[in-house]
Amino acid sequence: MTMNEAIETELEAWRNAERRQERTFVGDTTAVKLEVEQHRAEYMRLSTEHIVEWMAGMDDAQRRSAFAQPARSSR
């Protein structure tokens, strides 16, 4: 599973848990609230990890381009 797929899957699980929480009446509220928080935390962790990796890639690309030499013409 790609990082984007994992993030989308966790976001869907979080949303589903929130919908269940909205429909939950007395009794199971604690378990559903916990599930919402767990999915939210995992979604945030995955999203943050993805952003950090993306930014590191951008930093690497920026460093490489700073030292790049223009191609010489072969005339």
N, C-alpha and C. Protein backbone atom coordinates (compact mmCIF):
# COMPACT_ATOMS: atom_id res chain seq x y z
N MET A 1 0.84 -1.17 0.00
CA MET A 1 0.00 0.00 0.00
C MET A 1 0.89 1.24 0.00
N THR A 2 0.59 2.18 -0.87
CA THR A 2 1.38 3.41 -0.91
C THR A 2 1.03 4.30 0.27
N MET A 3 1.86 5.30 0.50
CA MET A 3 1.62 6.24 1.60
C MET A 3 0.28 6.95 1.39
N ASN A 4 0.02 7.39 0.16
CA ASN A 4 -1.24 8.08 -0.11
C ASN A 4 -2.44 7.18 0.16
N GLU A 5 -2.34 5.93 -0.23
CA GLU A 5 -3.43 4.98 0.02
C GLU A 5 -3.64 4.77 1.52
N ALA A 6 -2.55 4.67 2.26
CA ALA A 6 -2.65 4.49 3.71
C ALA A 6 -3.31 5.71 4.36
N ILE A 7 -2.94 6.89 3.91
CA ILE A 7 -3.54 8.12 4.45
C ILE A 7 -5.03 8.17 4.12
N GLU A 8 -5.38 7.87 2.88
CA GLU A 8 -6.79 7.88 2.48
C GLU A 8 -7.60 6.84 3.25
N THR A 9 -7.03 5.66 3.46
CA THR A 9 -7.72 4.60 4.20
C THR A 9 -7.97 5.04 5.64
N GLU A 10 -6.95 5.64 6.25
CA GLU A 10 -7.11 6.09 7.65
C GLU A 10 -8.09 7.24 7.75
N LEU A 11 -8.08 8.14 6.78
CA LEU A 11 -9.04 9.24 6.78
C LEU A 11 -10.47 8.70 6.67
N GLU A 12 -10.66 7.72 5.82
CA GLU A 12 -11.98 7.10 5.68
C GLU A 12 -12.42 6.43 6.99
N ALA A 13 -11.49 5.73 7.64
CA ALA A 13 -11.80 5.08 8.92
C ALA A 13 -12.16 6.12 9.98
N TRP A 14 -11.44 7.22 9.99
CA TRP A 14 -11.72 8.30 10.94
C TRP A 14 -13.12 8.88 10.71
N ARG A 15 -13.43 9.16 9.44
CA ARG A 15 -14.75 9.70 9.10
C ARG A 15 -15.87 8.73 9.46
N ASN A 16 -15.65 7.45 9.18
CA ASN A 16 -16.67 6.45 9.52
C ASN A 16 -16.89 6.38 11.03
N ALA A 17 -15.82 6.44 11.78
CA ALA A 17 -15.93 6.41 13.24
C ALA A 17 -16.68 7.64 13.74
N GLU A 18 -16.41 8.80 13.13
CA GLU A 18 -17.14 10.01 13.53
C GLU A 18 -18.63 9.89 13.23
N ARG A 19 -18.96 9.30 12.09
CA ARG A 19 -20.37 9.10 11.75
C ARG A 19 -21.05 8.16 12.75
N ARG A 20 -20.34 7.10 13.13
CA ARG A 20 -20.88 6.18 14.14
C ARG A 20 -21.06 6.90 15.48
N GLN A 21 -20.11 7.77 15.80
CA GLN A 21 -20.20 8.51 17.06
C GLN A 21 -21.44 9.40 17.06
N GLU A 22 -21.75 10.02 15.93
CA GLU A 22 -22.93 10.87 15.84
C GLU A 22 -24.22 10.08 16.04
N ARG A 23 -24.21 8.81 15.65
CA ARG A 23 -25.41 7.97 15.76
C ARG A 23 -25.45 7.15 17.04
N THR A 24 -24.40 7.22 17.85
CA THR A 24 -24.32 6.40 19.05
C THR A 24 -25.09 7.05 20.19
N PHE A 25 -25.85 6.24 20.87
CA PHE A 25 -26.59 6.71 22.03
C PHE A 25 -25.90 6.20 23.29
N VAL A 26 -26.50 6.38 24.38
CA VAL A 26 -25.94 5.99 25.68
C VAL A 26 -25.43 4.55 25.63
N GLY A 27 -24.27 4.33 26.23
CA GLY A 27 -23.73 2.98 26.32
C GLY A 27 -22.36 2.87 25.69
N ASP A 28 -22.31 2.88 24.37
CA ASP A 28 -21.06 2.64 23.64
C ASP A 28 -20.29 3.91 23.33
N THR A 29 -20.64 5.03 23.90
CA THR A 29 -20.01 6.29 23.52
C THR A 29 -18.52 6.33 23.81
N THR A 30 -18.10 5.75 24.92
CA THR A 30 -16.68 5.77 25.28
C THR A 30 -15.84 5.01 24.26
N ALA A 31 -16.29 3.85 23.86
CA ALA A 31 -15.55 3.04 22.89
C ALA A 31 -15.48 3.74 21.54
N VAL A 32 -16.58 4.36 21.13
CA VAL A 32 -16.59 5.03 19.82
C VAL A 32 -15.72 6.29 19.87
N LYS A 33 -15.77 7.02 20.97
CA LYS A 33 -14.91 8.20 21.11
C LYS A 33 -13.44 7.80 21.03
N LEU A 34 -13.10 6.71 21.67
CA LEU A 34 -11.72 6.21 21.64
C LEU A 34 -11.32 5.84 20.21
N GLU A 35 -12.22 5.18 19.50
CA GLU A 35 -11.94 4.80 18.12
C GLU A 35 -11.73 6.04 17.25
N VAL A 36 -12.56 7.07 17.43
CA VAL A 36 -12.41 8.32 16.68
C VAL A 36 -11.03 8.91 16.94
N GLU A 37 -10.64 8.98 18.20
CA GLU A 37 -9.34 9.56 18.56
C GLU A 37 -8.18 8.73 18.01
N GLN A 38 -8.30 7.41 18.04
CA GLN A 38 -7.22 6.56 17.51
C GLN A 38 -7.06 6.76 16.01
N HIS A 39 -8.17 6.79 15.27
CA HIS A 39 -8.07 6.99 13.82
C HIS A 39 -7.57 8.40 13.49
N ARG A 40 -8.01 9.38 14.25
CA ARG A 40 -7.55 10.75 14.03
C ARG A 40 -6.04 10.84 14.26
N ALA A 41 -5.57 10.25 15.35
CA ALA A 41 -4.14 10.29 15.67
C ALA A 41 -3.32 9.58 14.61
N GLU A 42 -3.79 8.43 14.14
CA GLU A 42 -3.06 7.69 13.10
C GLU A 42 -3.05 8.46 11.78
N TYR A 43 -4.18 9.07 11.45
CA TYR A 43 -4.24 9.89 10.23
C TYR A 43 -3.24 11.05 10.33
N MET A 44 -3.22 11.71 11.45
CA MET A 44 -2.30 12.84 11.64
C MET A 44 -0.84 12.37 11.58
N ARG A 45 -0.55 11.21 12.18
CA ARG A 45 0.81 10.68 12.16
C ARG A 45 1.25 10.39 10.73
N LEU A 46 0.39 9.71 9.97
CA LEU A 46 0.72 9.36 8.59
C LEU A 46 0.86 10.61 7.72
N SER A 47 -0.03 11.57 7.90
CA SER A 47 0.03 12.80 7.11
C SER A 47 1.31 13.57 7.41
N THR A 48 1.66 13.65 8.68
CA THR A 48 2.88 14.35 9.07
C THR A 48 4.11 13.65 8.50
N GLU A 49 4.13 12.34 8.60
CA GLU A 49 5.26 11.57 8.06
C GLU A 49 5.39 11.82 6.55
N HIS A 50 4.28 11.84 5.86
CA HIS A 50 4.29 12.07 4.41
C HIS A 50 4.81 13.47 4.09
N ILE A 51 4.37 14.47 4.83
CA ILE A 51 4.82 15.84 4.59
C ILE A 51 6.32 15.97 4.86
N VAL A 52 6.79 15.35 5.94
CA VAL A 52 8.22 15.41 6.27
C VAL A 52 9.05 14.76 5.16
N GLU A 53 8.60 13.61 4.66
CA GLU A 53 9.31 12.94 3.57
C GLU A 53 9.29 13.79 2.31
N TRP A 54 8.15 14.40 2.01
CA TRP A 54 8.04 15.24 0.81
C TRP A 54 8.97 16.44 0.92
N MET A 55 8.99 17.07 2.10
CA MET A 55 9.85 18.23 2.29
C MET A 55 11.33 17.86 2.20
N ALA A 56 11.69 16.69 2.71
CA ALA A 56 13.08 16.23 2.60
C ALA A 56 13.45 16.04 1.14
N GLY A 57 12.53 15.49 0.36
CA GLY A 57 12.77 15.33 -1.07
C GLY A 57 12.94 16.67 -1.77
N MET A 58 12.15 17.64 -1.37
CA MET A 58 12.27 18.98 -1.95
C MET A 58 13.61 19.61 -1.58
N ASP A 59 14.03 19.43 -0.33
CA ASP A 59 15.34 19.95 0.10
C ASP A 59 16.46 19.31 -0.71
N ASP A 60 16.39 18.00 -0.92
CA ASP A 60 17.41 17.31 -1.72
C ASP A 60 17.44 17.85 -3.14
N ALA A 61 16.28 18.03 -3.74
CA ALA A 61 16.21 18.54 -5.11
C ALA A 61 16.76 19.96 -5.18
N GLN A 62 16.47 20.75 -4.18
CA GLN A 62 16.97 22.13 -4.15
C GLN A 62 18.49 22.16 -4.03
N ARG A 63 19.04 21.28 -3.18
CA ARG A 63 20.51 21.21 -3.04
C ARG A 63 21.16 20.77 -4.35
N ARG A 64 20.57 19.77 -5.00
CA ARG A 64 21.14 19.30 -6.27
C ARG A 64 21.09 20.39 -7.33
N SER A 65 20.00 21.12 -7.40
CA SER A 65 19.87 22.15 -8.44
C SER A 65 20.80 23.33 -8.17
N ALA A 66 21.16 23.56 -6.92
CA ALA A 66 22.06 24.66 -6.59
C ALA A 66 23.45 24.43 -7.17
N PHE A 67 23.84 23.16 -7.34
CA PHE A 67 25.17 22.83 -7.86
C PHE A 67 25.13 22.34 -9.30
N ALA A 68 23.99 22.36 -9.90
CA ALA A 68 23.87 21.87 -11.28
C ALA A 68 24.57 22.81 -12.24
N GLN A 69 25.20 22.23 -13.22
CA GLN A 69 25.87 22.99 -14.26
C GLN A 69 25.04 22.91 -15.53
N PRO A 70 24.90 24.00 -16.23
CA PRO A 70 24.15 23.95 -17.48
C PRO A 70 24.85 23.01 -18.48
N ALA A 71 24.08 22.35 -19.28
CA ALA A 71 24.63 21.46 -20.30
C ALA A 71 25.40 22.29 -21.34
N ARG A 72 26.50 21.73 -21.77
CA ARG A 72 27.29 22.42 -22.81
C ARG A 72 26.75 22.04 -24.16
N SER A 73 26.75 22.98 -25.03
CA SER A 73 26.27 22.75 -26.39
C SER A 73 27.35 21.98 -27.14
N SER A 74 26.95 21.07 -28.00
CA SER A 74 27.93 20.23 -28.71
C SER A 74 28.05 20.65 -30.16
N ARG A 75 28.26 21.90 -30.41
CA ARG A 75 28.39 22.39 -31.79
C ARG A 75 29.76 22.23 -32.31
